[in-house]
Amino acid sequence: MTTITKKDMVMRLAAKTGMDKSVCRKLLQAFLDEVTAILKGGDRAEFRHFGVFAPAVRKGRVGRNPKTGAEVVVPARIGVRFRTGTTLRKILAGLPVSKFLEADDEE
């Protein structure tokens, strides 16, 4: 399994659309900035059939320092939850699991 970076995504978008890379970079960054602003405002960003990004509260808990074993208080925080849409879920369900298990073994 490979990691696709923002730069890789810009290159893919430029190749697919025929648009200039600088335009694709600005468009992608504007999209990411808007999703961030939506989540920061406490709202959810829904992209039909793809998925929903929503802010989620992670409860505080008591953890342990793995080196010392000492208890550490982990405070509550806000994270992001992503829930797949129906179309994306169906596409992923049709893929062979072995393809992803083999990729994990390589790392």
Protein backbone atom coordinates (compact mmCIF):
# COMPACT_ATOMS: atom_id res chain seq x y z
CA MET A 1 0.00 0.00 0.00
CA THR A 2 1.44 3.38 -0.96
CA THR A 3 0.80 6.78 0.54
CA ILE A 4 -0.57 9.45 -1.78
CA THR A 5 0.61 12.92 -0.79
CA LYS A 6 -0.94 16.28 -1.60
CA LYS A 7 1.67 16.73 -4.33
CA ASP A 8 0.77 13.32 -5.82
CA MET A 9 -2.91 14.27 -5.77
CA VAL A 10 -2.17 17.55 -7.58
CA MET A 11 -0.29 15.62 -10.26
CA ARG A 12 -3.17 13.14 -10.64
CA LEU A 13 -5.76 15.91 -10.89
CA ALA A 14 -3.69 17.80 -13.45
CA ALA A 15 -3.24 14.67 -15.56
CA LYS A 16 -6.91 13.73 -15.36
CA THR A 17 -8.36 17.18 -16.05
CA GLY A 18 -5.69 18.68 -18.29
CA MET A 19 -5.61 21.72 -15.99
CA ASP A 20 -2.40 23.45 -14.97
CA LYS A 21 -0.75 22.00 -11.84
CA SER A 22 -0.78 25.38 -10.09
CA VAL A 23 -4.55 25.67 -10.61
CA CYS A 24 -5.07 22.13 -9.30
CA ARG A 25 -2.87 22.88 -6.27
CA LYS A 26 -4.89 26.01 -5.44
CA LEU A 27 -8.19 24.20 -5.95
CA LEU A 28 -7.19 21.25 -3.77
CA GLN A 29 -5.90 23.55 -1.02
CA ALA A 30 -9.09 25.64 -1.16
CA PHE A 31 -11.15 22.45 -0.83
CA LEU A 32 -9.13 21.25 2.17
CA ASP A 33 -9.33 24.70 3.78
CA GLU A 34 -13.13 24.75 3.38
CA VAL A 35 -13.57 21.27 4.87
CA THR A 36 -11.34 22.34 7.78
CA ALA A 37 -13.37 25.52 8.33
CA ILE A 38 -16.63 23.53 8.26
CA LEU A 39 -15.33 21.07 10.87
CA LYS A 40 -13.87 23.87 12.98
CA GLY A 41 -17.31 25.49 13.03
CA GLY A 42 -18.78 22.29 14.48
CA ASP A 43 -20.59 21.30 11.28
CA ARG A 44 -20.21 18.20 9.13
CA ALA A 45 -19.07 18.02 5.51
CA GLU A 46 -21.14 15.56 3.52
CA PHE A 47 -20.20 14.35 0.05
CA ARG A 48 -23.05 12.15 -1.19
CA HIS A 49 -22.05 8.59 -2.02
CA PHE A 50 -18.44 9.27 -0.92
CA GLY A 51 -18.70 9.97 2.80
CA VAL A 52 -19.17 12.35 5.70
CA PHE A 53 -16.52 14.14 7.76
CA ALA A 54 -17.81 15.16 11.20
CA PRO A 55 -16.19 16.53 14.36
CA ALA A 56 -16.17 13.96 17.17
CA VAL A 57 -15.41 14.29 20.87
CA ARG A 58 -12.83 11.84 22.17
CA LYS A 59 -13.40 11.23 25.86
CA GLY A 60 -10.64 11.86 28.35
CA ARG A 61 -9.08 8.80 29.92
CA VAL A 62 -6.24 7.53 32.03
CA GLY A 63 -3.44 6.02 29.98
CA ARG A 64 -0.02 4.63 30.76
CA ASN A 65 3.45 5.77 29.78
CA PRO A 66 4.82 2.72 27.94
CA LYS A 67 8.38 3.31 29.17
CA THR A 68 7.71 3.88 32.87
CA GLY A 69 4.27 2.37 33.35
CA ALA A 70 3.18 5.55 35.15
CA GLU A 71 -0.44 6.65 34.76
CA VAL A 72 -0.98 9.66 32.53
CA VAL A 73 -4.18 11.67 32.22
CA VAL A 74 -5.17 12.00 28.56
CA PRO A 75 -7.58 14.96 28.27
CA ALA A 76 -10.72 14.99 26.12
CA ARG A 77 -10.20 16.37 22.63
CA ILE A 78 -11.93 16.95 19.34
CA GLY A 79 -11.12 14.62 16.47
CA VAL A 80 -12.62 13.91 13.08
CA ARG A 81 -14.82 10.98 12.21
CA PHE A 82 -15.17 9.81 8.62
CA ARG A 83 -18.04 7.59 7.64
CA THR A 84 -18.04 6.11 4.15
CA GLY A 85 -20.93 6.71 1.78
CA THR A 86 -22.82 3.89 0.12
CA THR A 87 -21.07 4.01 -3.26
CA LEU A 88 -17.56 4.12 -1.79
CA ARG A 89 -18.48 1.35 0.67
CA LYS A 90 -19.69 -0.88 -2.20
CA ILE A 91 -16.55 -0.21 -4.26
CA LEU A 92 -14.29 -1.09 -1.34
CA ALA A 93 -16.37 -4.16 -0.45
CA GLY A 94 -15.71 -5.53 -3.94
CA LEU A 95 -11.93 -5.49 -3.49
CA PRO A 96 -10.02 -8.59 -2.40
CA VAL A 97 -8.94 -8.36 1.24
CA SER A 98 -5.73 -10.24 0.46
CA LYS A 99 -4.48 -7.27 -1.60
CA PHE A 100 -4.50 -5.10 1.52
CA LEU A 101 -3.13 -7.74 3.87
CA GLU A 102 -0.11 -8.34 1.60
CA ALA A 103 0.57 -4.59 1.47
CA ASP A 104 0.59 -4.39 5.29
CA ASP A 105 3.13 -7.23 5.47
CA GLU A 106 5.58 -5.29 3.26
CA GLU A 107 5.79 -2.36 5.66
